[in-house]
Amino acid sequence: MINCCKKGVCTLAMIVKVLVIIGGVNWGLVGLGMLLGVEGGYNIVNMLLSSIPVLEAVVYLLVGVAAVMAIFDCKCQKCSADGVCTPCGATEAPKTEGTM
């Protein structure tokens, strides 16, 4: 049961975290591009997906939904059990070797 809870969050919470980070970095780069006077800024999502506008819109939508979900936190059993999933919380204390 080594690292079974992936730092105490469920898969959905981890996806939300990654999407919020992607959105934050993208907006930071957009702002940086505006300050530096770069025409169009450094919108990475737009640079990568401008040829597929529907997919670009889906990415923006997913990042927005993830941000709203991050506001309310995940309420699943795995995330709400003191930040540790049940199997990890139920593990025995580590045994030490060579004690006197």
C-alpha atoms as a PDB file:
ATOM      1  CA  MET A   1       0.000   0.000   0.000  1.00  0.00           C
ATOM      2  CA  ILE A   2       2.853   2.358  -0.724  1.00  0.00           C
ATOM      3  CA  ASN A   3       1.537   5.746  -1.915  1.00  0.00           C
ATOM      4  CA  CYS A   4      -1.930   4.276  -2.444  1.00  0.00           C
ATOM      5  CA  CYS A   5      -3.716   7.569  -1.864  1.00  0.00           C
ATOM      6  CA  LYS A   6      -1.576   9.749  -4.127  1.00  0.00           C
ATOM      7  CA  LYS A   7      -1.051  12.405  -1.469  1.00  0.00           C
ATOM      8  CA  GLY A   8      -4.575  12.063  -0.116  1.00  0.00           C
ATOM      9  CA  VAL A   9      -6.643  13.182  -3.104  1.00  0.00           C
ATOM     10  CA  CYS A  10      -8.859  11.387  -5.571  1.00  0.00           C
ATOM     11  CA  THR A  11      -8.260  11.340  -9.312  1.00  0.00           C
ATOM     12  CA  LEU A  12     -10.883  14.019  -9.967  1.00  0.00           C
ATOM     13  CA  ALA A  13      -9.283  16.376  -7.443  1.00  0.00           C
ATOM     14  CA  MET A  14      -5.900  15.814  -9.084  1.00  0.00           C
ATOM     15  CA  ILE A  15      -7.336  16.571 -12.561  1.00  0.00           C
ATOM     16  CA  VAL A  16      -8.943  19.744 -11.198  1.00  0.00           C
ATOM     17  CA  LYS A  17      -5.628  20.808  -9.695  1.00  0.00           C
ATOM     18  CA  VAL A  18      -3.763  20.248 -12.977  1.00  0.00           C
ATOM     19  CA  LEU A  19      -6.390  22.148 -15.008  1.00  0.00           C
ATOM     20  CA  VAL A  20      -6.337  25.103 -12.603  1.00  0.00           C
ATOM     21  CA  ILE A  21      -2.544  25.213 -12.816  1.00  0.00           C
ATOM     22  CA  ILE A  22      -2.685  25.106 -16.627  1.00  0.00           C
ATOM     23  CA  GLY A  23      -5.215  27.941 -16.640  1.00  0.00           C
ATOM     24  CA  GLY A  24      -3.218  30.031 -14.183  1.00  0.00           C
ATOM     25  CA  VAL A  25       0.032  29.626 -16.099  1.00  0.00           C
ATOM     26  CA  ASN A  26      -1.737  30.435 -19.371  1.00  0.00           C
ATOM     27  CA  TRP A  27      -3.255  33.647 -17.943  1.00  0.00           C
ATOM     28  CA  GLY A  28       0.116  34.594 -16.464  1.00  0.00           C
ATOM     29  CA  LEU A  29       1.727  34.223 -19.868  1.00  0.00           C
ATOM     30  CA  VAL A  30      -1.062  36.242 -21.498  1.00  0.00           C
ATOM     31  CA  GLY A  31      -0.411  39.068 -19.015  1.00  0.00           C
ATOM     32  CA  LEU A  32       3.341  38.846 -19.550  1.00  0.00           C
ATOM     33  CA  GLY A  33       2.865  39.051 -23.298  1.00  0.00           C
ATOM     34  CA  MET A  34       0.671  42.135 -22.884  1.00  0.00           C
ATOM     35  CA  LEU A  35       3.252  43.843 -20.660  1.00  0.00           C
ATOM     36  CA  LEU A  36       6.020  43.082 -23.124  1.00  0.00           C
ATOM     37  CA  GLY A  37       3.926  44.364 -26.026  1.00  0.00           C
ATOM     38  CA  VAL A  38       3.804  41.045 -27.842  1.00  0.00           C
ATOM     39  CA  GLU A  39       0.970  41.108 -30.361  1.00  0.00           C
ATOM     40  CA  GLY A  40      -1.493  38.392 -29.360  1.00  0.00           C
ATOM     41  CA  GLY A  41       0.373  37.691 -26.119  1.00  0.00           C
ATOM     42  CA  TYR A  42       1.684  34.302 -25.108  1.00  0.00           C
ATOM     43  CA  ASN A  43      -1.614  32.406 -24.996  1.00  0.00           C
ATOM     44  CA  ILE A  44      -0.264  28.851 -25.120  1.00  0.00           C
ATOM     45  CA  VAL A  45      -3.698  27.233 -25.459  1.00  0.00           C
ATOM     46  CA  ASN A  46      -4.446  29.448 -28.446  1.00  0.00           C
ATOM     47  CA  MET A  47      -1.018  28.792 -29.966  1.00  0.00           C
ATOM     48  CA  LEU A  48      -1.489  25.030 -29.708  1.00  0.00           C
ATOM     49  CA  LEU A  49      -5.169  24.741 -30.591  1.00  0.00           C
ATOM     50  CA  SER A  50      -6.036  27.767 -32.756  1.00  0.00           C
ATOM     51  CA  SER A  51      -6.482  25.501 -35.769  1.00  0.00           C
ATOM     52  CA  ILE A  52      -9.218  23.625 -33.873  1.00  0.00           C
ATOM     53  CA  PRO A  53     -11.425  26.345 -32.317  1.00  0.00           C
ATOM     54  CA  VAL A  54     -13.937  23.897 -30.846  1.00  0.00           C
ATOM     55  CA  LEU A  55     -11.199  22.022 -28.976  1.00  0.00           C
ATOM     56  CA  GLU A  56      -9.745  25.331 -27.774  1.00  0.00           C
ATOM     57  CA  ALA A  57     -13.163  26.319 -26.428  1.00  0.00           C
ATOM     58  CA  VAL A  58     -13.512  22.929 -24.697  1.00  0.00           C
ATOM     59  CA  VAL A  59     -10.138  23.410 -22.971  1.00  0.00           C
ATOM     60  CA  TYR A  60     -11.178  26.877 -21.743  1.00  0.00           C
ATOM     61  CA  LEU A  61     -14.502  25.461 -20.550  1.00  0.00           C
ATOM     62  CA  LEU A  62     -12.815  22.602 -18.683  1.00  0.00           C
ATOM     63  CA  VAL A  63     -10.383  25.010 -16.995  1.00  0.00           C
ATOM     64  CA  GLY A  64     -13.312  27.211 -15.934  1.00  0.00           C
ATOM     65  CA  VAL A  65     -15.283  24.282 -14.542  1.00  0.00           C
ATOM     66  CA  ALA A  66     -12.158  23.074 -12.725  1.00  0.00           C
ATOM     67  CA  ALA A  67     -11.729  26.506 -11.137  1.00  0.00           C
ATOM     68  CA  VAL A  68     -15.311  26.452  -9.852  1.00  0.00           C
ATOM     69  CA  MET A  69     -14.812  22.903  -8.550  1.00  0.00           C
ATOM     70  CA  ALA A  70     -11.603  23.983  -6.788  1.00  0.00           C
ATOM     71  CA  ILE A  71     -13.571  26.663  -4.930  1.00  0.00           C
ATOM     72  CA  PHE A  72     -15.861  24.053  -3.370  1.00  0.00           C
ATOM     73  CA  ASP A  73     -13.217  21.335  -2.774  1.00  0.00           C
ATOM     74  CA  CYS A  74     -13.789  17.647  -3.328  1.00  0.00           C
ATOM     75  CA  LYS A  75     -16.210  16.048  -0.856  1.00  0.00           C
ATOM     76  CA  CYS A  76     -15.543  12.393  -1.661  1.00  0.00           C
ATOM     77  CA  GLN A  77     -14.636   9.925   1.099  1.00  0.00           C
ATOM     78  CA  LYS A  78     -11.054   9.676  -0.078  1.00  0.00           C
ATOM     79  CA  CYS A  79     -10.417  13.427   0.081  1.00  0.00           C
ATOM     80  CA  SER A  80     -12.455  14.214   3.185  1.00  0.00           C
ATOM     81  CA  ALA A  81     -10.932  11.611   5.536  1.00  0.00           C
ATOM     82  CA  ASP A  82      -8.392  14.009   7.029  1.00  0.00           C
ATOM     83  CA  GLY A  83      -6.647  14.244   3.675  1.00  0.00           C
ATOM     84  CA  VAL A  84      -5.719  10.566   3.689  1.00  0.00           C
ATOM     85  CA  CYS A  85      -7.601   7.758   2.020  1.00  0.00           C
ATOM     86  CA  THR A  86      -8.969   4.954   4.178  1.00  0.00           C
ATOM     87  CA  PRO A  87      -6.390   2.303   3.208  1.00  0.00           C
ATOM     88  CA  CYS A  88      -3.481   4.656   3.993  1.00  0.00           C
ATOM     89  CA  GLY A  89      -5.039   5.784   7.252  1.00  0.00           C
ATOM     90  CA  ALA A  90      -5.473   2.164   8.312  1.00  0.00           C
ATOM     91  CA  THR A  91      -1.870   1.110   7.790  1.00  0.00           C
ATOM     92  CA  GLU A  92       0.176  -0.024  10.744  1.00  0.00           C
ATOM     93  CA  ALA A  93       2.907   2.089  12.255  1.00  0.00           C
ATOM     94  CA  PRO A  94       6.258   1.460  10.592  1.00  0.00           C
ATOM     95  CA  LYS A  95       8.340  -1.197  12.287  1.00  0.00           C
ATOM     96  CA  THR A  96      11.853  -0.251  13.214  1.00  0.00           C
ATOM     97  CA  GLU A  97      14.699  -2.715  13.015  1.00  0.00           C
ATOM     98  CA  GLY A  98      17.711  -2.933  15.256  1.00  0.00           C
ATOM     99  CA  THR A  99      16.108  -1.496  18.383  1.00  0.00           C
ATOM    100  CA  MET A 100      17.560  -2.514  21.706  1.00  0.00           C
END
